[in-house]
């Protein structure tokens, strides 16, 4: 089976707590080491145990950036999850299971026969017990079965099992026996060509990439309170603390996390925090303080559906308005989005530079699907961005005056220096203040200082990179406007449709505010069949653009907690290409 021009879709399903994540991670890493490109993500409920979970892997010899909602191979750890996900298995697919009481799944087996689905069975629990394992070791049996069906040498996956259980010798021996027994229990197998080794890739998720990017950017303090889907940044930073010397603080709440981060930045140490929408609500007073004292501040919002607790383990793009308009008063800010791990590594470095150069809060929007999806990324994408701190040069520190700190300037940007680096002092005052930071309530001074701060918005707008056009620049058959994870699914769609002779393009926003209206006007003037793609109910970016006079032929919006799958966009394009003529 040649995967050069197509993708293989695998779904591993089981309840939370069944070892599903272990299987998915082992298989994903083994496939990446064989040289495949892949994208993998896990759907799971907000339960420690129970419910239906699914680990999806899409792989190919060509880059894979997004997921399909259907499966060519379905691996079922338990009956209930099998029932929930069986309909996603394609006709003539492969069904792998170890469910011994087949009387309970006769309807599934009958459906499989009608759809010409090949069923691969071995009594997984019995095999696990025979090899000294527990019932949960059935997941390792199924791993061996899947690997045999794929047709790859056992050793390639054995290496990953050894790494997974290297510190648990007794479990490791049993796991290896179970893996081999599952592998030997299967006769039928596909013949998938192992790709010729390409450039070195890394397999990691968006949160890991952001953490590594922040470390690369010189961050020395990380403070956060755990809140999915950003929590793994905190745990990853904690793991890296001893190797990097970074101070990692799990705060008692999001208010403290933000205050610690802002305090560190004001004192001259690069710091950041991360949370979800509900946690960011508590941070907004600190964000407003950063705007007033003109201190750099970096925060990542890992978006999940709301309102309130909403769907804490699912994905959304519904916090754009929160990032754009949150906090009291008016002050300039930069809002960015990240689309995938490579983008996250690079963008967080830019976020630190922008925050320090323009002395403003930078809000980075991620999404559960970006935070937690694992993706193969070309190692060349992980480049160090030169650090730009925007500080007064050391040779000029002795020339400073206190009034320089908030001096009225045409650009809105005043001199900034680390407290203690110069004998010249200033006040970082949360009250309205004059040039040296002393409180003022004089009307003319208040007006001038307000205008000074807001002038930064135009300065920033002129310097920020414009949105990026993916695909054909003009006169595409159908065009999309989007941000965040829309980039990944559109990149795959654009390539698929190019082979069909249909041009699709995307205007993708990495920097969402301040808005580059001129570039948007050029895109709209060159393309006529333009549609909005957003993971929220209102089409929040669309509303922002509509207020600037732009309009859309249609809107593809999704707000059920699931990401955009290939099928979602493919179906929409087919409908609207025919309508457009």
Protein backbone atom coordinates (compact mmCIF):
# COMPACT_ATOMS: atom_id res chain seq x y z
CA UNK A 1 0.00 0.00 0.00
CA UNK A 2 1.52 3.30 -1.13
CA UNK A 3 0.66 6.30 1.02
CA UNK A 4 2.48 8.84 -1.12
CA UNK A 5 -0.71 10.41 -2.48
CA UNK A 6 -3.18 9.52 0.26
CA UNK A 7 -3.50 9.14 4.01
CA UNK A 8 -4.26 6.22 6.29
CA UNK A 9 -6.75 6.98 9.05
CA UNK A 10 -6.56 5.04 12.32
CA UNK A 11 -8.91 5.40 15.29
CA UNK A 12 -8.23 3.73 18.64
CA UNK A 13 -11.30 3.89 20.89
CA UNK A 14 -11.95 3.07 24.53
CA UNK A 15 -13.15 4.61 27.76
CA UNK A 16 -10.97 7.05 29.70
CA UNK A 17 -8.65 5.10 31.97
CA UNK A 18 -8.41 2.11 29.61
CA UNK A 19 -4.86 2.85 28.47
CA UNK A 20 -6.00 4.43 25.22
CA UNK A 21 -3.47 7.29 25.44
CA UNK A 22 -0.62 4.83 25.97
CA UNK A 23 -1.53 2.92 22.80
CA UNK A 24 -1.93 6.10 20.76
CA UNK A 25 1.36 7.62 21.85
CA UNK A 26 3.34 4.42 21.32
CA UNK A 27 1.94 3.86 17.84
CA UNK A 28 2.29 7.53 16.84
CA UNK A 29 5.93 7.72 17.89
CA UNK A 30 6.76 4.42 16.19
CA UNK A 31 5.19 5.62 12.93
CA UNK A 32 7.09 8.90 13.10
CA UNK A 33 10.36 7.04 13.56
CA UNK A 34 9.58 4.95 10.48
CA UNK A 35 9.54 8.21 8.51
CA UNK A 36 5.82 8.94 8.15
CA UNK A 37 4.24 12.35 8.49
CA UNK A 38 1.32 12.28 10.88
CA UNK A 39 -1.19 14.25 12.87
CA UNK A 40 -2.77 12.76 16.00
CA UNK A 41 -5.26 13.99 18.56
CA UNK A 42 -7.38 12.58 21.37
CA UNK A 43 -11.06 13.18 22.00
CA UNK A 44 -11.92 12.59 25.64
CA UNK A 45 -14.62 13.54 28.14
CA UNK A 46 -13.97 15.46 31.36
CA UNK A 47 -13.90 12.21 33.34
CA UNK A 48 -10.99 10.42 34.99
CA UNK A 49 -12.54 7.08 34.06
CA UNK A 50 -15.44 6.17 31.78
CA UNK A 51 -17.11 7.87 28.85
CA UNK A 52 -15.98 7.50 25.26
CA UNK A 53 -12.47 8.45 24.15
CA UNK A 54 -10.83 8.27 20.76
CA UNK A 55 -7.20 8.61 19.71
CA UNK A 56 -7.03 9.44 16.00
CA UNK A 57 -3.90 9.09 13.88
CA UNK A 58 -3.70 10.20 10.24
CA UNK A 59 -0.47 9.31 8.46
CA UNK A 60 1.03 9.65 5.02
CA UNK A 61 4.33 9.92 3.15
CA UNK A 62 3.35 13.53 2.45
CA UNK A 63 2.78 16.20 5.13
CA UNK A 64 -0.39 15.71 7.19
CA UNK A 65 -1.58 18.74 9.16
CA UNK A 66 -5.19 17.97 10.08
CA UNK A 67 -7.54 15.09 10.78
CA UNK A 68 -10.30 13.23 9.01
CA UNK A 69 -13.47 12.29 10.88
CA UNK A 70 -13.53 8.84 9.26
CA UNK A 71 -11.34 5.78 9.83
CA UNK A 72 -9.77 3.13 7.62
CA UNK A 73 -8.79 1.11 10.69
CA UNK A 74 -10.75 1.06 13.94
CA UNK A 75 -9.17 -0.47 17.06
CA UNK A 76 -11.70 -1.02 19.87
CA UNK A 77 -10.59 -1.49 23.47
CA UNK A 78 -14.13 -1.80 24.85
CA UNK A 79 -17.68 -2.35 23.60
CA UNK A 80 -19.24 0.97 24.58
CA UNK A 81 -16.68 3.07 22.71
CA UNK A 82 -16.90 0.67 19.77
CA UNK A 83 -20.63 1.37 19.51
CA UNK A 84 -20.00 5.12 19.73
CA UNK A 85 -17.41 5.22 16.95
CA UNK A 86 -18.18 2.26 14.67
CA UNK A 87 -20.11 4.37 12.14
CA UNK A 88 -16.94 6.38 11.41
CA UNK A 89 -15.26 3.24 9.99
CA UNK A 90 -15.28 3.40 6.20
CA UNK A 91 -16.61 0.74 3.86
CA UNK A 92 -14.03 -2.04 3.30
CA UNK A 93 -12.09 -0.84 6.34
CA UNK A 94 -10.46 -2.96 9.05
CA UNK A 95 -11.97 -3.56 12.50
CA UNK A 96 -9.57 -4.79 15.21
CA UNK A 97 -10.91 -5.87 18.58
CA UNK A 98 -10.31 -8.23 21.49
CA UNK A 99 -13.88 -8.36 22.76
CA UNK A 100 -14.40 -11.99 23.73
CA UNK A 101 -18.17 -11.95 24.37
CA UNK A 102 -19.05 -11.52 20.70
CA UNK A 103 -22.71 -12.22 21.38
CA UNK A 104 -22.90 -8.65 22.68
CA UNK A 105 -21.64 -7.14 19.43
CA UNK A 106 -23.49 -9.26 16.87
CA UNK A 107 -25.17 -6.21 15.38
CA UNK A 108 -21.75 -4.57 14.90
CA UNK A 109 -20.36 -7.71 13.27
CA UNK A 110 -23.36 -7.86 10.94
CA UNK A 111 -22.88 -4.23 9.96
CA UNK A 112 -19.21 -4.96 9.34
CA UNK A 113 -20.09 -7.79 6.99
CA UNK A 114 -22.53 -5.60 5.02
CA UNK A 115 -19.89 -2.85 4.65
CA UNK A 116 -17.27 -5.47 3.61
CA UNK A 117 -15.20 -4.58 6.65
CA UNK A 118 -12.45 -7.04 7.56
CA UNK A 119 -12.66 -8.07 11.22
CA UNK A 120 -9.43 -8.95 13.05
CA UNK A 121 -10.01 -10.61 16.43
CA UNK A 122 -7.95 -12.12 19.22
CA UNK A 123 -9.10 -12.73 22.83
CA UNK A 124 -7.10 -9.85 24.29
CA UNK A 125 -7.94 -10.28 27.96
CA UNK A 126 -7.21 -14.03 27.91
CA UNK A 127 -3.91 -13.44 26.13
CA UNK A 128 -3.00 -10.77 28.66
CA UNK A 129 -3.78 -13.08 31.60
CA UNK A 130 -1.86 -15.96 29.96
CA UNK A 131 1.20 -13.71 29.76
CA UNK A 132 1.05 -12.56 33.37
CA UNK A 133 -0.72 -9.28 32.70
CA UNK A 134 -3.86 -7.64 34.00
CA UNK A 135 -7.08 -6.89 32.14
CA UNK A 136 -5.73 -3.43 31.29
CA UNK A 137 -2.83 -5.06 29.42
CA UNK A 138 -5.39 -5.83 26.71
CA UNK A 139 -4.43 -2.44 25.28
CA UNK A 140 -0.87 -3.70 24.66
CA UNK A 141 -2.26 -6.83 23.00
CA UNK A 142 -4.25 -4.59 20.65
CA UNK A 143 -1.14 -2.51 19.96
CA UNK A 144 0.64 -5.64 18.77
CA UNK A 145 -2.36 -6.63 16.66
CA UNK A 146 -2.54 -3.20 15.01
CA UNK A 147 1.18 -3.19 14.31
CA UNK A 148 0.95 -6.61 12.63
CA UNK A 149 -2.03 -5.45 10.53
CA UNK A 150 0.06 -2.48 9.37
CA UNK A 151 2.77 -4.92 8.33
CA UNK A 152 5.71 -3.40 10.17
CA UNK A 153 8.48 -5.28 12.03
CA UNK A 154 7.73 -5.92 15.69
CA UNK A 155 11.04 -4.43 16.83
CA UNK A 156 10.01 -0.94 15.69
CA UNK A 157 7.21 -0.83 18.23
CA UNK A 158 9.05 -2.87 20.87
CA UNK A 159 11.57 -0.04 21.17
CA UNK A 160 8.79 2.38 22.09
CA UNK A 161 7.32 0.00 24.68
CA UNK A 162 10.75 -0.29 26.27
CA UNK A 163 11.01 3.49 26.45
CA UNK A 164 7.51 3.81 27.89
CA UNK A 165 8.10 1.33 30.73
CA UNK A 166 11.87 1.67 31.17
CA UNK A 167 11.52 2.52 34.86
CA UNK A 168 9.05 -0.30 35.55
CA UNK A 169 11.03 -3.50 34.92
CA UNK A 170 8.32 -5.94 36.01
CA UNK A 171 5.65 -4.26 33.90
CA UNK A 172 8.06 -3.94 30.96
CA UNK A 173 8.67 -7.69 30.75
CA UNK A 174 4.94 -8.41 30.80
CA UNK A 175 4.20 -5.65 28.30
CA UNK A 176 6.76 -7.00 25.83
CA UNK A 177 5.30 -10.51 26.12
CA UNK A 178 1.79 -9.15 25.58
CA UNK A 179 2.90 -7.05 22.64
CA UNK A 180 4.52 -10.05 20.96
CA UNK A 181 1.52 -12.27 21.69
CA UNK A 182 -0.84 -9.73 20.12
CA UNK A 183 1.44 -9.44 17.10
CA UNK A 184 1.61 -13.22 16.64
CA UNK A 185 -2.18 -13.61 17.02
CA UNK A 186 -2.81 -11.86 13.67
CA UNK A 187 -2.35 -13.50 10.27
CA UNK A 188 -3.71 -10.90 7.84
CA UNK A 189 -1.77 -7.72 7.25
CA UNK A 190 -1.52 -4.77 4.93
CA UNK A 191 1.62 -4.14 2.94
CA UNK A 192 2.49 -0.53 3.61
CA UNK A 193 5.72 0.74 2.12
CA UNK A 194 8.01 2.36 4.65
CA UNK A 195 8.93 5.77 3.19
CA UNK A 196 12.42 6.66 2.21
CA UNK A 197 13.87 8.66 5.11
CA UNK A 198 13.12 12.34 4.65
CA UNK A 199 14.23 15.37 6.62
CA UNK A 200 14.37 14.94 10.36
CA UNK A 201 11.01 15.58 11.98
CA UNK A 202 9.93 16.11 15.56
CA UNK A 203 6.66 14.78 16.97
CA UNK A 204 5.21 17.10 19.56
CA UNK A 205 2.07 18.98 20.49
CA UNK A 206 1.41 22.71 20.53
CA UNK A 207 1.89 23.11 24.27
CA UNK A 208 5.31 21.46 24.18
CA UNK A 209 6.30 23.67 21.24
CA UNK A 210 5.18 26.84 23.03
CA UNK A 211 7.14 25.83 26.14
CA UNK A 212 10.28 25.17 24.11
CA UNK A 213 9.81 28.43 22.20
CA UNK A 214 9.46 30.39 25.43
CA UNK A 215 12.63 28.82 26.81
CA UNK A 216 14.38 29.64 23.53
CA UNK A 217 13.18 33.25 23.89
CA UNK A 218 14.95 33.62 27.22
CA UNK A 219 11.97 33.24 29.54
CA UNK A 220 13.15 32.82 33.13
CA UNK A 221 9.88 32.77 35.12
CA UNK A 222 6.72 30.76 34.38
CA UNK A 223 3.70 31.15 36.64
CA UNK A 224 0.32 29.50 36.08
CA UNK A 225 -2.64 27.79 37.66
CA UNK A 226 -3.64 24.48 35.99
CA UNK A 227 -6.57 24.78 33.61
CA UNK A 228 -7.09 22.60 30.56
CA UNK A 229 -6.02 22.72 27.82
CA UNK A 230 -3.01 24.82 28.91
CA UNK A 231 -2.09 22.67 31.94
CA UNK A 232 0.57 20.60 30.19
CA UNK A 233 2.65 23.75 29.63
CA UNK A 234 2.97 24.02 33.40
CA UNK A 235 3.90 20.36 33.85
CA UNK A 236 6.37 20.48 30.95
CA UNK A 237 7.99 23.65 32.31
CA UNK A 238 8.28 21.95 35.71
CA UNK A 239 10.06 19.01 34.09
CA UNK A 240 12.45 21.40 32.33
CA UNK A 241 13.10 23.58 35.39
CA UNK A 242 16.10 21.63 36.69
CA UNK A 243 17.72 21.62 33.24
CA UNK A 244 17.09 25.27 32.43
CA UNK A 245 17.13 27.05 35.78
CA UNK A 246 13.72 28.56 35.05
CA UNK A 247 11.60 29.47 38.07
CA UNK A 248 8.26 27.63 37.75
CA UNK A 249 5.46 28.59 40.14
CA UNK A 250 2.07 26.94 40.39
CA UNK A 251 0.08 29.84 41.77
CA UNK A 252 -2.95 29.51 44.05
CA UNK A 253 -5.14 31.07 41.36
CA UNK A 254 -5.00 32.85 38.02
CA UNK A 255 -4.91 36.30 39.61
CA UNK A 256 -1.66 35.47 41.37
CA UNK A 257 -0.24 33.78 38.27
CA UNK A 258 -0.79 36.93 36.23
CA UNK A 259 0.56 39.20 38.96
CA UNK A 260 3.74 37.12 39.31
CA UNK A 261 4.27 37.23 35.56
CA UNK A 262 3.66 40.97 35.28
CA UNK A 263 5.89 41.66 38.29
CA UNK A 264 8.73 39.65 36.77
CA UNK A 265 8.40 41.42 33.40
CA UNK A 266 8.30 44.84 35.05
CA UNK A 267 11.45 43.96 36.98
CA UNK A 268 13.20 42.98 33.74
CA UNK A 269 12.85 39.18 33.66
CA UNK A 270 11.08 37.56 30.74
CA UNK A 271 8.02 35.75 32.05
CA UNK A 272 4.68 34.45 30.82
CA UNK A 273 1.54 32.74 32.01
CA UNK A 274 -1.05 30.53 30.34
CA UNK A 275 -4.63 29.61 31.09
CA UNK A 276 -8.02 29.07 29.45
CA UNK A 277 -10.85 31.54 28.95
CA UNK A 278 -12.27 31.17 32.45
CA UNK A 279 -8.87 31.70 34.03
CA UNK A 280 -8.15 34.66 31.79
CA UNK A 281 -11.34 36.31 33.10
CA UNK A 282 -9.57 36.55 36.46
CA UNK A 283 -6.43 37.98 34.87
CA UNK A 284 -8.04 40.93 33.13
CA UNK A 285 -7.38 43.46 35.93
CA UNK A 286 -3.68 42.60 35.66
CA UNK A 287 -3.82 42.99 31.88
CA UNK A 288 -5.31 46.47 32.37
CA UNK A 289 -2.54 47.33 34.84
CA UNK A 290 0.06 46.26 32.25
CA UNK A 291 -1.61 48.64 29.80
CA UNK A 292 -1.42 51.55 32.25
CA UNK A 293 2.17 51.07 33.45
CA UNK A 294 3.24 50.20 29.88
CA UNK A 295 4.87 46.98 30.97
CA UNK A 296 5.34 43.98 28.69
CA UNK A 297 3.05 41.08 29.52
CA UNK A 298 2.60 37.76 27.69
CA UNK A 299 -0.33 35.41 28.25
CA UNK A 300 -1.53 32.39 26.29
CA UNK A 301 -5.23 31.47 26.25
CA UNK A 302 -5.84 27.82 25.43
CA UNK A 303 -9.38 28.03 24.09
CA UNK A 304 -12.11 25.57 24.96
CA UNK A 305 -15.90 25.92 24.62
CA UNK A 306 -17.81 28.03 27.15
CA UNK A 307 -19.60 29.77 28.65
CA UNK A 308 -18.78 28.88 32.27
CA UNK A 309 -17.12 25.46 32.57
CA UNK A 310 -18.52 24.56 29.16
CA UNK A 311 -16.70 21.62 27.59
CA UNK A 312 -13.37 21.60 29.44
CA UNK A 313 -11.68 18.93 27.31
CA UNK A 314 -12.87 20.03 23.86
CA UNK A 315 -11.86 22.73 21.40
CA UNK A 316 -13.12 26.13 20.24
CA UNK A 317 -12.13 29.48 18.73
CA UNK A 318 -14.62 31.45 20.80
CA UNK A 319 -12.34 33.71 22.85
CA UNK A 320 -11.28 36.18 20.16
CA UNK A 321 -13.65 38.86 21.47
CA UNK A 322 -12.39 38.16 24.98
CA UNK A 323 -8.83 38.83 23.87
CA UNK A 324 -9.77 41.92 21.84
CA UNK A 325 -12.00 43.70 24.34
CA UNK A 326 -11.27 42.35 27.84
CA UNK A 327 -10.08 44.57 30.71
CA UNK A 328 -11.37 47.97 31.77
CA UNK A 329 -10.29 51.18 30.11
CA UNK A 330 -8.68 51.68 26.73
CA UNK A 331 -5.10 50.72 25.92
CA UNK A 332 -3.25 49.13 23.00
CA UNK A 333 -2.66 45.41 22.92
CA UNK A 334 -1.49 42.80 20.44
CA UNK A 335 -3.57 39.68 19.81
CA UNK A 336 -1.94 36.73 18.04
CA UNK A 337 -3.00 33.19 17.17
CA UNK A 338 -1.07 29.98 16.66
CA UNK A 339 -2.01 27.23 14.25
CA UNK A 340 0.28 24.25 14.91
CA UNK A 341 3.37 23.26 16.91
CA UNK A 342 5.91 24.83 14.54
CA UNK A 343 3.89 28.03 14.52
CA UNK A 344 3.66 27.97 18.32
CA UNK A 345 7.43 27.66 18.74
CA UNK A 346 8.03 30.67 16.51
CA UNK A 347 5.08 32.86 17.51
CA UNK A 348 5.74 32.77 21.26
CA UNK A 349 9.24 34.12 20.58
CA UNK A 350 7.74 36.96 18.55
CA UNK A 351 5.24 37.58 21.36
CA UNK A 352 8.04 38.27 23.83
CA UNK A 353 9.80 40.61 21.40
CA UNK A 354 6.62 42.53 20.60
CA UNK A 355 5.62 42.83 24.26
CA UNK A 356 8.99 44.30 25.19
CA UNK A 357 9.51 46.50 22.12
CA UNK A 358 6.08 48.13 22.33
CA UNK A 359 5.57 47.81 26.11
CA UNK A 360 2.09 46.29 25.77
CA UNK A 361 0.22 43.11 26.70
CA UNK A 362 0.44 40.39 24.06
CA UNK A 363 -2.38 37.84 24.14
CA UNK A 364 -1.65 34.60 22.28
CA UNK A 365 -4.69 32.52 21.32
CA UNK A 366 -4.27 28.78 21.10
CA UNK A 367 -6.95 26.07 21.00
CA UNK A 368 -7.37 22.65 22.57
CA UNK A 369 -6.80 21.03 19.18
CA UNK A 370 -3.56 23.03 18.81
CA UNK A 371 -2.50 22.60 22.44
CA UNK A 372 -2.84 18.81 22.47
CA UNK A 373 -2.61 17.55 18.87
CA UNK A 374 0.67 15.84 18.08
CA UNK A 375 2.15 16.56 14.67
CA UNK A 376 5.34 15.77 12.81
CA UNK A 377 7.15 19.03 12.22
CA UNK A 378 10.24 19.61 10.09
CA UNK A 379 13.07 20.30 12.54
CA UNK A 380 14.14 23.24 10.39
CA UNK A 381 11.03 25.13 11.54
CA UNK A 382 12.45 25.30 15.06
CA UNK A 383 14.64 28.31 14.59
CA UNK A 384 15.82 30.81 17.17
CA UNK A 385 14.29 34.24 16.65
CA UNK A 386 16.75 37.03 17.59
CA UNK A 387 15.81 38.50 20.97
CA UNK A 388 14.79 42.16 20.89
CA UNK A 389 14.10 43.66 24.29
CA UNK A 390 13.59 47.32 23.43
CA UNK A 391 15.62 48.44 26.46
CA UNK A 392 17.78 51.56 26.74
CA UNK A 393 21.34 50.60 25.69
CA UNK A 394 23.79 50.28 28.64
CA UNK A 395 25.89 53.20 27.41
CA UNK A 396 22.90 55.55 27.66
CA UNK A 397 21.66 54.57 31.11
CA UNK A 398 23.62 57.35 32.82
CA UNK A 399 21.93 59.98 30.61
CA UNK A 400 18.38 59.13 31.62
CA UNK A 401 15.90 61.38 33.37
CA UNK A 402 12.90 60.14 35.33
CA UNK A 403 10.58 61.85 32.82
CA UNK A 404 11.96 59.64 30.02
CA UNK A 405 10.06 56.60 31.25
CA UNK A 406 6.64 57.83 30.11
CA UNK A 407 7.76 60.71 27.93
CA UNK A 408 5.22 61.92 25.37
CA UNK A 409 6.53 60.73 21.97
CA UNK A 410 5.13 60.70 18.40
CA UNK A 411 5.27 56.88 18.29
CA UNK A 412 3.81 56.46 21.77
CA UNK A 413 6.87 54.46 22.83
CA UNK A 414 9.02 55.84 25.64
CA UNK A 415 12.37 54.75 27.02
CA UNK A 416 12.29 51.65 29.18
CA UNK A 417 15.02 50.38 31.45
CA UNK A 418 15.26 47.68 34.08
CA UNK A 419 14.75 49.06 37.58
CA UNK A 420 18.14 49.24 39.30
CA UNK A 421 20.14 49.25 36.07
CA UNK A 422 20.35 53.06 36.31
CA UNK A 423 20.41 55.50 39.20
CA UNK A 424 17.44 57.19 37.54
CA UNK A 425 14.14 56.09 39.08
CA UNK A 426 10.52 56.26 37.95
CA UNK A 427 7.12 55.26 39.34
CA UNK A 428 5.23 52.31 37.84
CA UNK A 429 1.88 53.74 38.83
CA UNK A 430 -1.52 52.12 38.29
CA UNK A 431 -3.16 55.54 38.69
CA UNK A 432 -3.12 57.91 35.75
CA UNK A 433 0.27 59.59 35.80
CA UNK A 434 2.55 62.07 34.11
CA UNK A 435 5.88 61.44 32.45
CA UNK A 436 7.92 60.27 35.48
CA UNK A 437 4.99 58.19 36.77
CA UNK A 438 3.71 60.58 39.41
CA UNK A 439 -0.07 60.73 39.77
CA UNK A 440 -1.92 63.40 37.80
CA UNK A 441 -5.58 64.33 37.42
CA UNK A 442 -4.93 67.46 35.36
CA UNK A 443 -7.18 67.33 32.27
CA UNK A 444 -4.56 68.34 29.70
CA UNK A 445 -1.93 65.93 31.08
CA UNK A 446 -4.42 63.07 31.27
CA UNK A 447 -5.48 63.71 27.67
CA UNK A 448 -1.90 63.83 26.39
CA UNK A 449 -0.87 60.67 28.22
CA UNK A 450 -3.96 58.80 27.02
CA UNK A 451 -3.25 59.84 23.42
CA UNK A 452 0.40 58.92 23.82
CA UNK A 453 -0.43 55.36 24.87
CA UNK A 454 -3.03 54.89 22.15
CA UNK A 455 -0.64 56.12 19.43
CA UNK A 456 1.23 52.85 19.90
CA UNK A 457 -1.62 51.10 18.11
CA UNK A 458 -0.80 52.81 14.80
CA UNK A 459 2.93 52.31 15.36
CA UNK A 460 2.35 48.59 15.95
CA UNK A 461 -0.06 48.27 13.01
CA UNK A 462 2.62 49.53 10.60
CA UNK A 463 5.22 47.08 11.92
CA UNK A 464 3.25 43.86 12.37
CA UNK A 465 3.49 41.27 9.59
CA UNK A 466 0.35 41.21 7.42
CA UNK A 467 -1.98 38.20 7.13
CA UNK A 468 -0.63 35.37 5.00
CA UNK A 469 -2.19 34.12 1.77
CA UNK A 470 -2.05 30.33 1.44
CA UNK A 471 -2.66 29.00 -2.06
CA UNK A 472 -3.40 31.01 -5.17
CA UNK A 473 -3.13 34.75 -4.47
CA UNK A 474 -6.00 35.95 -6.65
CA UNK A 475 -9.09 34.78 -8.50
CA UNK A 476 -9.32 31.49 -6.62
CA UNK A 477 -12.41 29.40 -7.27
CA UNK A 478 -13.21 29.69 -3.56
CA UNK A 479 -11.48 31.66 -0.82
CA UNK A 480 -11.51 31.45 2.96
CA UNK A 481 -10.64 33.82 5.78
CA UNK A 482 -9.59 32.31 9.09
CA UNK A 483 -7.17 32.15 11.99
CA UNK A 484 -5.61 29.60 14.32
CA UNK A 485 -6.18 25.93 13.45
CA UNK A 486 -8.09 26.81 10.27
CA UNK A 487 -4.64 27.01 8.66
CA UNK A 488 -3.91 23.30 9.10
CA UNK A 489 -7.11 21.93 7.57
CA UNK A 490 -7.02 24.48 4.73
CA UNK A 491 -3.43 23.61 3.82
CA UNK A 492 -4.48 19.97 3.36
CA UNK A 493 -7.66 20.95 1.49
CA UNK A 494 -5.82 23.36 -0.83
CA UNK A 495 -3.39 20.62 -1.85
CA UNK A 496 -6.18 18.06 -2.36
CA UNK A 497 -8.21 20.43 -4.56
CA UNK A 498 -5.18 21.55 -6.53
CA UNK A 499 -4.87 17.97 -7.79
CA UNK A 500 -8.53 18.19 -8.90
CA UNK A 501 -7.90 21.40 -10.84
CA UNK A 502 -9.83 23.60 -8.39
CA UNK A 503 -8.08 26.55 -6.75
CA UNK A 504 -8.69 27.25 -3.07
CA UNK A 505 -6.93 29.89 -1.02
CA UNK A 506 -6.91 31.19 2.54
CA UNK A 507 -6.28 34.59 4.09
CA UNK A 508 -4.80 33.51 7.41
CA UNK A 509 -4.39 35.85 10.39
CA UNK A 510 -1.55 35.23 12.81
CA UNK A 511 -1.76 38.79 14.10
CA UNK A 512 -5.41 39.62 14.73
CA UNK A 513 -5.02 43.01 16.35
CA UNK A 514 -4.14 45.68 15.44
CA UNK A 515 -5.89 44.78 12.18
CA UNK A 516 -4.12 45.27 8.85
CA UNK A 517 -7.10 46.64 6.91
CA UNK A 518 -5.11 47.57 3.79
CA UNK A 519 -3.92 44.01 3.16
CA UNK A 520 -7.44 42.66 3.71
CA UNK A 521 -8.79 45.12 1.14
CA UNK A 522 -6.27 43.87 -1.41
CA UNK A 523 -7.26 40.25 -0.83
CA UNK A 524 -10.98 41.01 -1.16
CA UNK A 525 -10.38 43.01 -4.35
CA UNK A 526 -8.55 40.07 -5.94
CA UNK A 527 -11.00 37.33 -4.96
CA UNK A 528 -14.78 37.28 -5.26
CA UNK A 529 -16.04 34.02 -3.70
CA UNK A 530 -14.87 34.60 -0.12
CA UNK A 531 -16.11 32.64 2.90
CA UNK A 532 -15.43 32.72 6.64
CA UNK A 533 -14.10 29.70 8.52
CA UNK A 534 -14.28 29.93 12.32
CA UNK A 535 -14.77 27.67 15.32
CA UNK A 536 -17.40 29.81 17.07
CA UNK A 537 -21.11 30.59 16.75
CA UNK A 538 -20.95 34.30 15.89
CA UNK A 539 -18.04 34.32 13.46
CA UNK A 540 -16.09 36.75 15.63
CA UNK A 541 -13.31 37.55 13.16
CA UNK A 542 -16.01 37.91 10.53
CA UNK A 543 -17.85 40.43 12.69
CA UNK A 544 -14.63 42.41 13.13
CA UNK A 545 -14.09 42.51 9.36
CA UNK A 546 -17.74 43.27 8.62
CA UNK A 547 -17.51 46.36 10.81
CA UNK A 548 -14.69 47.47 8.51
CA UNK A 549 -16.94 47.07 5.45
CA UNK A 550 -16.04 43.57 4.25
CA UNK A 551 -18.67 40.94 3.47
CA UNK A 552 -18.70 37.18 2.93
CA UNK A 553 -20.51 34.90 0.48
CA UNK A 554 -20.97 32.38 3.26
CA UNK A 555 -19.76 31.26 6.67
CA UNK A 556 -18.64 27.82 7.78
CA UNK A 557 -18.90 27.95 11.58
CA UNK A 558 -18.45 25.09 14.04
CA UNK A 559 -19.12 25.26 17.77
CA UNK A 560 -19.78 21.70 19.00
CA UNK A 561 -16.37 21.25 20.61
CA UNK A 562 -14.89 19.38 17.64
CA UNK A 563 -12.22 20.77 15.32
CA UNK A 564 -12.72 21.26 11.61
CA UNK A 565 -12.26 17.90 9.93
CA UNK A 566 -11.37 17.48 6.26
CA UNK A 567 -14.91 16.31 5.57
CA UNK A 568 -16.42 19.51 7.00
CA UNK A 569 -14.52 21.77 4.64
CA UNK A 570 -14.68 19.41 1.67
CA UNK A 571 -18.48 19.20 1.86
CA UNK A 572 -18.80 22.98 2.21
CA UNK A 573 -16.56 23.62 -0.80
CA UNK A 574 -18.46 21.19 -3.02
CA UNK A 575 -21.73 22.89 -2.15
CA UNK A 576 -20.46 26.44 -2.70
CA UNK A 577 -18.37 25.79 -5.80
CA UNK A 578 -21.51 24.53 -7.56
CA UNK A 579 -23.53 27.52 -6.33
CA UNK A 580 -20.89 29.97 -7.51
CA UNK A 581 -20.90 28.45 -10.93
